[in-house]
C-alpha cells in the first residue's frame, strides 16, 4: 500500500494514488527485466516481486459515487453507473479538467502499446480514422512503425536494436502473419500473440496472409 502520497499537487495525504501505483509497477517490472537481461542484482528480485504482489489494485468507483463538487456529466442519469478510475483509493477522488498527468501519452497509447513487453498496434485507435506512426520506441529495445488506413493495418516494421525476443499481439486476428528479413520471407506465424527471435540491428517486416 502506498500511503501519504499525493494524487495531485497539494492534494493531501492520499492512499494508493493511481499514477503512483502505475509508476511503482513499471519500475519494479523494469528492474526485474533489466536484472535478468544484465545478470545483475538477482538477489533483490524476490523483494521486487514481493512489492509487486503487495500493491493494491487501481482504485475504481462509479461516476455517481464521486464526492459532491467533483462530479461530472451527471445530467444524463445512466452516466451515474459508469465505472471510472478514482485518482486515489482514499483521499483525492477526482478533479474536473485534470487528467492526472497522462494527457501527454494518451495518443501514443491509443496508437501503440508495449508496457508489458507485448507489442500492440492501434489497440485503442478508431477504425474509421486513418493514422500512422514511425519508429516509436517499445519496451525491449525495439523501434516500431505501422499505419492504419480504412481500418486495415499495414506497413508494420520492427527494428531490433539489441536482438531480444519480440512478442507481438497479432494485428490481423484470425490470419497468419508472414515475417520478412532483409527482403526475404523467413517464417510464417499465427495465433493471437506470437514471439519472434531477432538479431541486433535487424528489421522485421510483418504482413498478413
C-alpha atoms as a PDB file:
ATOM      1  CA  UNK A   1       0.000   0.000   0.000  1.00  0.00           C
ATOM      2  CA  UNK A   2       1.239   3.479  -0.900  1.00  0.00           C
ATOM      3  CA  UNK A   3       0.395   5.823   1.993  1.00  0.00           C
ATOM      4  CA  UNK A   4       0.823   9.574   2.475  1.00  0.00           C
ATOM      5  CA  UNK A   5       1.287  10.206  -1.232  1.00  0.00           C
ATOM      6  CA  UNK A   6      -0.430  12.821  -3.399  1.00  0.00           C
ATOM      7  CA  UNK A   7      -2.543  12.134  -6.468  1.00  0.00           C
ATOM      8  CA  UNK A   8      -2.181  15.788  -7.483  1.00  0.00           C
ATOM      9  CA  UNK A   9      -0.011  18.676  -6.345  1.00  0.00           C
ATOM     10  CA  UNK A  10      -1.058  19.618  -2.809  1.00  0.00           C
ATOM     11  CA  UNK A  11      -3.967  17.163  -2.864  1.00  0.00           C
ATOM     12  CA  UNK A  12      -3.110  15.889   0.606  1.00  0.00           C
ATOM     13  CA  UNK A  13      -2.111  12.572   2.149  1.00  0.00           C
ATOM     14  CA  UNK A  14      -3.736  10.212  -0.331  1.00  0.00           C
ATOM     15  CA  UNK A  15      -3.643   6.421  -0.237  1.00  0.00           C
ATOM     16  CA  UNK A  16      -2.784   4.450  -3.394  1.00  0.00           C
ATOM     17  CA  UNK A  17      -2.845   7.274  -5.966  1.00  0.00           C
ATOM     18  CA  UNK A  18      -3.427   5.692  -9.356  1.00  0.00           C
ATOM     19  CA  UNK A  19      -0.417   7.300 -11.062  1.00  0.00           C
ATOM     20  CA  UNK A  20       1.915   6.259  -8.244  1.00  0.00           C
ATOM     21  CA  UNK A  21       0.659   2.669  -8.412  1.00  0.00           C
ATOM     22  CA  UNK A  22       1.324   2.622 -12.156  1.00  0.00           C
ATOM     23  CA  UNK A  23       4.819   4.091 -11.676  1.00  0.00           C
ATOM     24  CA  UNK A  24       5.766   1.570  -8.976  1.00  0.00           C
ATOM     25  CA  UNK A  25       4.553  -1.311 -11.142  1.00  0.00           C
ATOM     26  CA  UNK A  26       6.554  -0.081 -14.117  1.00  0.00           C
ATOM     27  CA  UNK A  27       9.736   0.499 -12.097  1.00  0.00           C
ATOM     28  CA  UNK A  28       9.641  -2.898 -10.363  1.00  0.00           C
ATOM     29  CA  UNK A  29       8.747  -4.722 -13.574  1.00  0.00           C
ATOM     30  CA  UNK A  30      11.530  -2.995 -15.497  1.00  0.00           C
ATOM     31  CA  UNK A  31      14.000  -3.664 -12.694  1.00  0.00           C
ATOM     32  CA  UNK A  32      13.241  -7.387 -12.965  1.00  0.00           C
ATOM     33  CA  UNK A  33      13.639  -7.269 -16.732  1.00  0.00           C
ATOM     34  CA  UNK A  34      16.967  -5.431 -16.521  1.00  0.00           C
ATOM     35  CA  UNK A  35      18.223  -7.719 -13.790  1.00  0.00           C
ATOM     36  CA  UNK A  36      17.552 -10.793 -15.916  1.00  0.00           C
ATOM     37  CA  UNK A  37      18.997  -9.242 -19.065  1.00  0.00           C
ATOM     38  CA  UNK A  38      22.174  -7.911 -17.431  1.00  0.00           C
ATOM     39  CA  UNK A  39      22.637 -10.656 -14.854  1.00  0.00           C
ATOM     40  CA  UNK A  40      22.814  -8.109 -12.040  1.00  0.00           C
ATOM     41  CA  UNK A  41      21.155  -7.856  -8.610  1.00  0.00           C
ATOM     42  CA  UNK A  42      19.428 -11.235  -8.849  1.00  0.00           C
ATOM     43  CA  UNK A  43      19.393 -11.363  -5.065  1.00  0.00           C
ATOM     44  CA  UNK A  44      16.987  -8.422  -4.990  1.00  0.00           C
ATOM     45  CA  UNK A  45      14.409  -9.947  -7.308  1.00  0.00           C
ATOM     46  CA  UNK A  46      12.442 -11.612  -4.514  1.00  0.00           C
ATOM     47  CA  UNK A  47      11.986  -8.229  -2.804  1.00  0.00           C
ATOM     48  CA  UNK A  48      10.875  -6.591  -6.044  1.00  0.00           C
ATOM     49  CA  UNK A  49       8.365  -9.367  -6.720  1.00  0.00           C
ATOM     50  CA  UNK A  50       7.037  -9.023  -3.168  1.00  0.00           C
ATOM     51  CA  UNK A  51       6.471  -5.295  -3.719  1.00  0.00           C
ATOM     52  CA  UNK A  52       4.535  -6.050  -6.916  1.00  0.00           C
ATOM     53  CA  UNK A  53       2.452  -8.726  -5.180  1.00  0.00           C
ATOM     54  CA  UNK A  54       1.506  -6.372  -2.325  1.00  0.00           C
ATOM     55  CA  UNK A  55       0.465  -3.413  -4.489  1.00  0.00           C
ATOM     56  CA  UNK A  56      -3.228  -2.651  -4.438  1.00  0.00           C
ATOM     57  CA  UNK A  57      -5.468  -2.653  -7.487  1.00  0.00           C
ATOM     58  CA  UNK A  58      -6.113   0.585  -9.327  1.00  0.00           C
ATOM     59  CA  UNK A  59      -8.915   2.342  -7.381  1.00  0.00           C
ATOM     60  CA  UNK A  60     -12.307   2.446  -9.090  1.00  0.00           C
ATOM     61  CA  UNK A  61     -15.822   3.645  -8.437  1.00  0.00           C
ATOM     62  CA  UNK A  62     -18.995   4.549 -10.309  1.00  0.00           C
ATOM     63  CA  UNK A  63     -19.276   8.084 -11.636  1.00  0.00           C
ATOM     64  CA  UNK A  64     -22.231   8.749  -9.357  1.00  0.00           C
ATOM     65  CA  UNK A  65     -20.164   7.823  -6.283  1.00  0.00           C
ATOM     66  CA  UNK A  66     -17.713  10.706  -6.676  1.00  0.00           C
ATOM     67  CA  UNK A  67     -17.841  13.306  -3.893  1.00  0.00           C
ATOM     68  CA  UNK A  68     -20.036  16.353  -4.441  1.00  0.00           C
ATOM     69  CA  UNK A  69     -18.079  19.011  -6.279  1.00  0.00           C
ATOM     70  CA  UNK A  70     -16.047  16.547  -8.278  1.00  0.00           C
ATOM     71  CA  UNK A  71     -18.886  15.014 -10.251  1.00  0.00           C
ATOM     72  CA  UNK A  72     -19.047  15.461 -13.998  1.00  0.00           C
ATOM     73  CA  UNK A  73     -21.551  14.714 -16.778  1.00  0.00           C
ATOM     74  CA  UNK A  74     -24.254  13.563 -14.346  1.00  0.00           C
ATOM     75  CA  UNK A  75     -27.042  15.345 -16.210  1.00  0.00           C
ATOM     76  CA  UNK A  76     -27.587  12.037 -18.013  1.00  0.00           C
ATOM     77  CA  UNK A  77     -28.965   9.584 -15.405  1.00  0.00           C
ATOM     78  CA  UNK A  78     -27.367   6.467 -16.884  1.00  0.00           C
ATOM     79  CA  UNK A  79     -23.939   8.074 -16.539  1.00  0.00           C
ATOM     80  CA  UNK A  80     -24.135   7.669 -12.763  1.00  0.00           C
ATOM     81  CA  UNK A  81     -23.399   3.947 -13.058  1.00  0.00           C
ATOM     82  CA  UNK A  82     -20.411   4.293 -15.417  1.00  0.00           C
ATOM     83  CA  UNK A  83     -17.296   2.716 -13.879  1.00  0.00           C
ATOM     84  CA  UNK A  84     -14.277   5.009 -13.731  1.00  0.00           C
ATOM     85  CA  UNK A  85     -10.851   5.108 -12.094  1.00  0.00           C
ATOM     86  CA  UNK A  86     -10.558   7.253  -8.972  1.00  0.00           C
ATOM     87  CA  UNK A  87      -7.448   9.375  -8.545  1.00  0.00           C
ATOM     88  CA  UNK A  88      -6.722   7.560  -5.271  1.00  0.00           C
ATOM     89  CA  UNK A  89      -8.223   4.835  -3.110  1.00  0.00           C
ATOM     90  CA  UNK A  90      -8.568   7.138  -0.097  1.00  0.00           C
ATOM     91  CA  UNK A  91      -8.320  10.901  -0.463  1.00  0.00           C
ATOM     92  CA  UNK A  92      -8.475  12.814  -3.744  1.00  0.00           C
ATOM     93  CA  UNK A  93     -11.144  11.197  -5.918  1.00  0.00           C
ATOM     94  CA  UNK A  94     -11.367  13.432  -8.955  1.00  0.00           C
ATOM     95  CA  UNK A  95     -10.649  16.928 -10.233  1.00  0.00           C
ATOM     96  CA  UNK A  96     -12.582  18.310 -13.142  1.00  0.00           C
ATOM     97  CA  UNK A  97     -10.414  19.371 -16.060  1.00  0.00           C
ATOM     98  CA  UNK A  98      -7.341  17.497 -14.837  1.00  0.00           C
ATOM     99  CA  UNK A  99      -6.066  14.297 -16.449  1.00  0.00           C
ATOM    100  CA  UNK A 100      -3.534  13.405 -13.685  1.00  0.00           C
ATOM    101  CA  UNK A 101      -0.591  13.884 -15.998  1.00  0.00           C
ATOM    102  CA  UNK A 102      -1.491  11.234 -18.568  1.00  0.00           C
ATOM    103  CA  UNK A 103      -2.602  13.545 -21.354  1.00  0.00           C
ATOM    104  CA  UNK A 104       0.860  13.643 -22.907  1.00  0.00           C
ATOM    105  CA  UNK A 105       0.973   9.906 -23.609  1.00  0.00           C
ATOM    106  CA  UNK A 106      -2.705   9.252 -24.359  1.00  0.00           C
ATOM    107  CA  UNK A 107      -2.459   9.483 -28.154  1.00  0.00           C
ATOM    108  CA  UNK A 108       0.638   7.297 -28.289  1.00  0.00           C
ATOM    109  CA  UNK A 109      -1.025   4.663 -26.098  1.00  0.00           C
ATOM    110  CA  UNK A 110      -4.004   4.655 -28.459  1.00  0.00           C
ATOM    111  CA  UNK A 111      -1.675   4.088 -31.413  1.00  0.00           C
ATOM    112  CA  UNK A 112       0.820   1.698 -29.869  1.00  0.00           C
ATOM    113  CA  UNK A 113       1.495  -0.074 -26.569  1.00  0.00           C
ATOM    114  CA  UNK A 114       4.329  -2.185 -25.173  1.00  0.00           C
ATOM    115  CA  UNK A 115       4.102  -1.544 -21.420  1.00  0.00           C
ATOM    116  CA  UNK A 116       4.125  -5.276 -20.590  1.00  0.00           C
ATOM    117  CA  UNK A 117       6.591  -6.336 -23.277  1.00  0.00           C
ATOM    118  CA  UNK A 118       3.900  -7.183 -25.846  1.00  0.00           C
ATOM    119  CA  UNK A 119       3.733  -5.010 -28.975  1.00  0.00           C
ATOM    120  CA  UNK A 120       0.143  -3.919 -29.651  1.00  0.00           C
ATOM    121  CA  UNK A 121      -0.636  -1.914 -32.788  1.00  0.00           C
ATOM    122  CA  UNK A 122      -3.541   0.573 -32.802  1.00  0.00           C
ATOM    123  CA  UNK A 123      -5.098  -1.085 -29.708  1.00  0.00           C
ATOM    124  CA  UNK A 124      -7.489   1.803 -28.985  1.00  0.00           C
ATOM    125  CA  UNK A 125      -7.486   3.773 -32.211  1.00  0.00           C
ATOM    126  CA  UNK A 126     -10.840   4.274 -34.016  1.00  0.00           C
ATOM    127  CA  UNK A 127     -11.152   2.025 -37.070  1.00  0.00           C
ATOM    128  CA  UNK A 128     -12.656   4.880 -39.101  1.00  0.00           C
ATOM    129  CA  UNK A 129      -9.681   7.186 -38.500  1.00  0.00           C
ATOM    130  CA  UNK A 130      -6.559   6.780 -40.649  1.00  0.00           C
ATOM    131  CA  UNK A 131      -3.259   7.106 -38.806  1.00  0.00           C
ATOM    132  CA  UNK A 132       0.370   6.132 -38.895  1.00  0.00           C
ATOM    133  CA  UNK A 133       3.406   6.275 -36.639  1.00  0.00           C
ATOM    134  CA  UNK A 134       7.119   5.818 -37.188  1.00  0.00           C
ATOM    135  CA  UNK A 135       9.919   4.423 -35.018  1.00  0.00           C
ATOM    136  CA  UNK A 136       8.068   4.632 -31.726  1.00  0.00           C
ATOM    137  CA  UNK A 137      10.257   3.159 -29.022  1.00  0.00           C
ATOM    138  CA  UNK A 138       8.996  -0.066 -27.484  1.00  0.00           C
ATOM    139  CA  UNK A 139       9.968  -1.972 -24.408  1.00  0.00           C
ATOM    140  CA  UNK A 140      12.687  -4.469 -25.258  1.00  0.00           C
ATOM    141  CA  UNK A 141      14.770  -2.053 -27.368  1.00  0.00           C
ATOM    142  CA  UNK A 142      12.561  -2.065 -30.472  1.00  0.00           C
ATOM    143  CA  UNK A 143      11.565   0.766 -32.812  1.00  0.00           C
ATOM    144  CA  UNK A 144       8.156   0.148 -34.353  1.00  0.00           C
ATOM    145  CA  UNK A 145       6.373   1.675 -37.358  1.00  0.00           C
ATOM    146  CA  UNK A 146       2.892   0.975 -38.771  1.00  0.00           C
ATOM    147  CA  UNK A 147      -0.115   2.583 -40.413  1.00  0.00           C
ATOM    148  CA  UNK A 148      -3.868   2.092 -40.437  1.00  0.00           C
ATOM    149  CA  UNK A 149      -5.991   3.082 -43.436  1.00  0.00           C
ATOM    150  CA  UNK A 150      -9.639   2.233 -43.863  1.00  0.00           C
ATOM    151  CA  UNK A 151      -9.448   0.179 -40.685  1.00  0.00           C
ATOM    152  CA  UNK A 152      -6.702  -2.050 -42.137  1.00  0.00           C
ATOM    153  CA  UNK A 153      -3.245  -2.223 -40.552  1.00  0.00           C
ATOM    154  CA  UNK A 154      -0.210  -2.383 -42.835  1.00  0.00           C
ATOM    155  CA  UNK A 155       3.399  -1.242 -43.125  1.00  0.00           C
ATOM    156  CA  UNK A 156       4.414  -2.968 -39.910  1.00  0.00           C
ATOM    157  CA  UNK A 157       8.166  -2.795 -39.296  1.00  0.00           C
ATOM    158  CA  UNK A 158      10.068  -3.697 -36.152  1.00  0.00           C
ATOM    159  CA  UNK A 159      13.710  -2.669 -35.792  1.00  0.00           C
ATOM    160  CA  UNK A 160      15.534  -4.639 -33.104  1.00  0.00           C
ATOM    161  CA  UNK A 161      18.345  -2.672 -31.504  1.00  0.00           C
ATOM    162  CA  UNK A 162      19.633  -5.391 -29.167  1.00  0.00           C
ATOM    163  CA  UNK A 163      18.391  -8.676 -30.626  1.00  0.00           C
ATOM    164  CA  UNK A 164      15.950  -9.560 -27.868  1.00  0.00           C
ATOM    165  CA  UNK A 165      12.916 -11.805 -28.332  1.00  0.00           C
ATOM    166  CA  UNK A 166       9.961  -9.818 -29.678  1.00  0.00           C
ATOM    167  CA  UNK A 167       6.395 -10.637 -28.641  1.00  0.00           C
ATOM    168  CA  UNK A 168       3.612  -9.239 -30.839  1.00  0.00           C
ATOM    169  CA  UNK A 169      -0.157  -9.223 -30.448  1.00  0.00           C
ATOM    170  CA  UNK A 170      -1.378 -10.303 -33.880  1.00  0.00           C
ATOM    171  CA  UNK A 171      -2.514  -7.128 -35.694  1.00  0.00           C
ATOM    172  CA  UNK A 172      -4.640  -9.263 -38.038  1.00  0.00           C
ATOM    173  CA  UNK A 173      -6.719 -11.500 -35.794  1.00  0.00           C
ATOM    174  CA  UNK A 174      -7.598 -14.825 -37.348  1.00  0.00           C
ATOM    175  CA  UNK A 175      -4.907 -14.512 -40.019  1.00  0.00           C
ATOM    176  CA  UNK A 176      -1.426 -15.956 -40.284  1.00  0.00           C
ATOM    177  CA  UNK A 177       1.434 -13.471 -40.418  1.00  0.00           C
ATOM    178  CA  UNK A 178       4.356 -13.526 -42.851  1.00  0.00           C
ATOM    179  CA  UNK A 179       7.696 -12.342 -41.476  1.00  0.00           C
ATOM    180  CA  UNK A 180      10.375 -10.934 -43.795  1.00  0.00           C
ATOM    181  CA  UNK A 181      14.003 -10.136 -43.035  1.00  0.00           C
ATOM    182  CA  UNK A 182      16.383  -8.455 -45.494  1.00  0.00           C
ATOM    183  CA  UNK A 183      13.704  -8.672 -48.188  1.00  0.00           C
ATOM    184  CA  UNK A 184      13.181 -12.423 -47.823  1.00  0.00           C
ATOM    185  CA  UNK A 185      10.301 -14.279 -46.191  1.00  0.00           C
ATOM    186  CA  UNK A 186      11.776 -16.228 -43.285  1.00  0.00           C
ATOM    187  CA  UNK A 187       8.759 -17.621 -41.472  1.00  0.00           C
ATOM    188  CA  UNK A 188       5.003 -17.662 -41.016  1.00  0.00           C
ATOM    189  CA  UNK A 189       3.450 -17.343 -37.572  1.00  0.00           C
ATOM    190  CA  UNK A 190      -0.099 -17.462 -36.242  1.00  0.00           C
ATOM    191  CA  UNK A 191      -2.190 -17.057 -33.121  1.00  0.00           C
ATOM    192  CA  UNK A 192      -3.473 -14.131 -31.090  1.00  0.00           C
ATOM    193  CA  UNK A 193       0.081 -13.493 -29.895  1.00  0.00           C
ATOM    194  CA  UNK A 194       3.417 -14.746 -31.210  1.00  0.00           C
ATOM    195  CA  UNK A 195       7.108 -14.475 -30.335  1.00  0.00           C
ATOM    196  CA  UNK A 196       9.834 -13.712 -32.872  1.00  0.00           C
ATOM    197  CA  UNK A 197      13.572 -14.238 -32.481  1.00  0.00           C
ATOM    198  CA  UNK A 198      15.584 -11.202 -33.571  1.00  0.00           C
ATOM    199  CA  UNK A 199      19.201 -10.235 -34.143  1.00  0.00           C
ATOM    200  CA  UNK A 200      20.816  -6.901 -33.200  1.00  0.00           C
ATOM    201  CA  UNK A 201      20.231  -4.114 -35.752  1.00  0.00           C
ATOM    202  CA  UNK A 202      17.727  -6.248 -37.667  1.00  0.00           C
ATOM    203  CA  UNK A 203      14.449  -5.079 -39.261  1.00  0.00           C
ATOM    204  CA  UNK A 204      11.422  -7.372 -39.363  1.00  0.00           C
ATOM    205  CA  UNK A 205       8.545  -6.659 -41.764  1.00  0.00           C
ATOM    206  CA  UNK A 206       5.149  -8.163 -40.949  1.00  0.00           C
ATOM    207  CA  UNK A 207       2.308  -8.765 -43.421  1.00  0.00           C
ATOM    208  CA  UNK A 208      -0.938 -10.742 -43.187  1.00  0.00           C
ATOM    209  CA  UNK A 209      -1.638 -13.847 -45.274  1.00  0.00           C
END
